[in-house]
Amino acid sequence: MDYVSALVPPVVMAAFFIGLVVTIVKSQGGPNKAKEDAAVDAAFARAESAEPATAPDARGA
């Protein structure tokens, strides 16, 4: 019975991983794609505007 207890965790993790991949693939595109793309573009714009204009000097001077 030790082999059963050794195989259960990897099998369970593999099943969840396959379910996650299937969910991600199914959620790509569709009617909400434009809304999702707009949200990502807005997040990138906010992140770029929050970055400093110049990088700090590597020497710390």
C-alpha atoms as a PDB file:
ATOM      1  CA  MET A   1       0.000   0.000   0.000  1.00  0.00           C
ATOM      2  CA  ASP A   2       3.006   2.301   0.234  1.00  0.00           C
ATOM      3  CA  TYR A   3       3.045   2.657  -3.539  1.00  0.00           C
ATOM      4  CA  VAL A   4      -0.534   3.989  -3.486  1.00  0.00           C
ATOM      5  CA  SER A   5       0.304   6.667  -0.923  1.00  0.00           C
ATOM      6  CA  ALA A   6       3.419   7.560  -2.949  1.00  0.00           C
ATOM      7  CA  LEU A   7       1.461   7.962  -6.205  1.00  0.00           C
ATOM      8  CA  VAL A   8      -1.594   9.869  -4.933  1.00  0.00           C
ATOM      9  CA  PRO A   9       0.002  13.346  -4.460  1.00  0.00           C
ATOM     10  CA  PRO A  10       1.572  13.525  -7.950  1.00  0.00           C
ATOM     11  CA  VAL A  11      -1.622  12.257  -9.575  1.00  0.00           C
ATOM     12  CA  VAL A  12      -3.731  14.822  -7.708  1.00  0.00           C
ATOM     13  CA  MET A  13      -1.325  17.643  -8.599  1.00  0.00           C
ATOM     14  CA  ALA A  14      -1.289  16.551 -12.242  1.00  0.00           C
ATOM     15  CA  ALA A  15      -5.096  16.541 -12.356  1.00  0.00           C
ATOM     16  CA  PHE A  16      -5.276  20.062 -10.897  1.00  0.00           C
ATOM     17  CA  PHE A  17      -2.585  21.290 -13.287  1.00  0.00           C
ATOM     18  CA  ILE A  18      -4.419  19.840 -16.289  1.00  0.00           C
ATOM     19  CA  GLY A  19      -7.626  21.488 -15.064  1.00  0.00           C
ATOM     20  CA  LEU A  20      -5.816  24.818 -14.702  1.00  0.00           C
ATOM     21  CA  VAL A  21      -4.376  24.628 -18.217  1.00  0.00           C
ATOM     22  CA  VAL A  22      -7.763  23.696 -19.685  1.00  0.00           C
ATOM     23  CA  THR A  23      -9.412  26.611 -17.858  1.00  0.00           C
ATOM     24  CA  ILE A  24      -6.773  29.064 -19.112  1.00  0.00           C
ATOM     25  CA  VAL A  25      -7.078  27.849 -22.688  1.00  0.00           C
ATOM     26  CA  LYS A  26     -10.883  27.989 -22.625  1.00  0.00           C
ATOM     27  CA  SER A  27     -10.890  31.524 -21.205  1.00  0.00           C
ATOM     28  CA  GLN A  28      -8.727  32.920 -24.020  1.00  0.00           C
ATOM     29  CA  GLY A  29     -10.622  35.035 -26.525  1.00  0.00           C
ATOM     30  CA  GLY A  30     -14.379  35.068 -26.540  1.00  0.00           C
ATOM     31  CA  PRO A  31     -16.715  37.996 -25.960  1.00  0.00           C
ATOM     32  CA  ASN A  32     -14.694  39.457 -23.059  1.00  0.00           C
ATOM     33  CA  LYS A  33     -11.387  39.600 -24.968  1.00  0.00           C
ATOM     34  CA  ALA A  34     -11.645  43.306 -25.806  1.00  0.00           C
ATOM     35  CA  LYS A  35     -12.504  44.204 -22.209  1.00  0.00           C
ATOM     36  CA  GLU A  36      -9.618  42.106 -20.865  1.00  0.00           C
ATOM     37  CA  ASP A  37      -7.192  43.611 -23.385  1.00  0.00           C
ATOM     38  CA  ALA A  38      -8.293  47.116 -22.402  1.00  0.00           C
ATOM     39  CA  ALA A  39      -7.769  46.311 -18.713  1.00  0.00           C
ATOM     40  CA  VAL A  40      -4.262  44.994 -19.380  1.00  0.00           C
ATOM     41  CA  ASP A  41      -3.395  48.017 -21.520  1.00  0.00           C
ATOM     42  CA  ALA A  42      -4.597  50.340 -18.749  1.00  0.00           C
ATOM     43  CA  ALA A  43      -2.518  48.465 -16.163  1.00  0.00           C
ATOM     44  CA  PHE A  44       0.587  48.731 -18.365  1.00  0.00           C
ATOM     45  CA  ALA A  45      -0.040  52.460 -18.864  1.00  0.00           C
ATOM     46  CA  ARG A  46      -0.335  53.000 -15.093  1.00  0.00           C
ATOM     47  CA  ALA A  47       2.846  51.009 -14.452  1.00  0.00           C
ATOM     48  CA  GLU A  48       4.808  52.918 -17.086  1.00  0.00           C
ATOM     49  CA  SER A  49       3.639  56.305 -15.800  1.00  0.00           C
ATOM     50  CA  ALA A  50       4.618  55.378 -12.232  1.00  0.00           C
ATOM     51  CA  GLU A  51       8.220  54.475 -13.161  1.00  0.00           C
ATOM     52  CA  PRO A  52      10.877  57.138 -12.593  1.00  0.00           C
ATOM     53  CA  ALA A  53      12.001  58.973 -15.727  1.00  0.00           C
ATOM     54  CA  THR A  54      15.690  58.142 -15.216  1.00  0.00           C
ATOM     55  CA  ALA A  55      17.327  55.093 -13.719  1.00  0.00           C
ATOM     56  CA  PRO A  56      19.418  55.662 -10.594  1.00  0.00           C
ATOM     57  CA  ASP A  57      23.162  55.622 -10.999  1.00  0.00           C
ATOM     58  CA  ALA A  58      24.616  52.161 -10.400  1.00  0.00           C
ATOM     59  CA  ARG A  59      27.569  53.608  -8.465  1.00  0.00           C
ATOM     60  CA  GLY A  60      25.248  55.206  -5.939  1.00  0.00           C
ATOM     61  CA  ALA A  61      26.905  58.607  -6.337  1.00  0.00           C
END
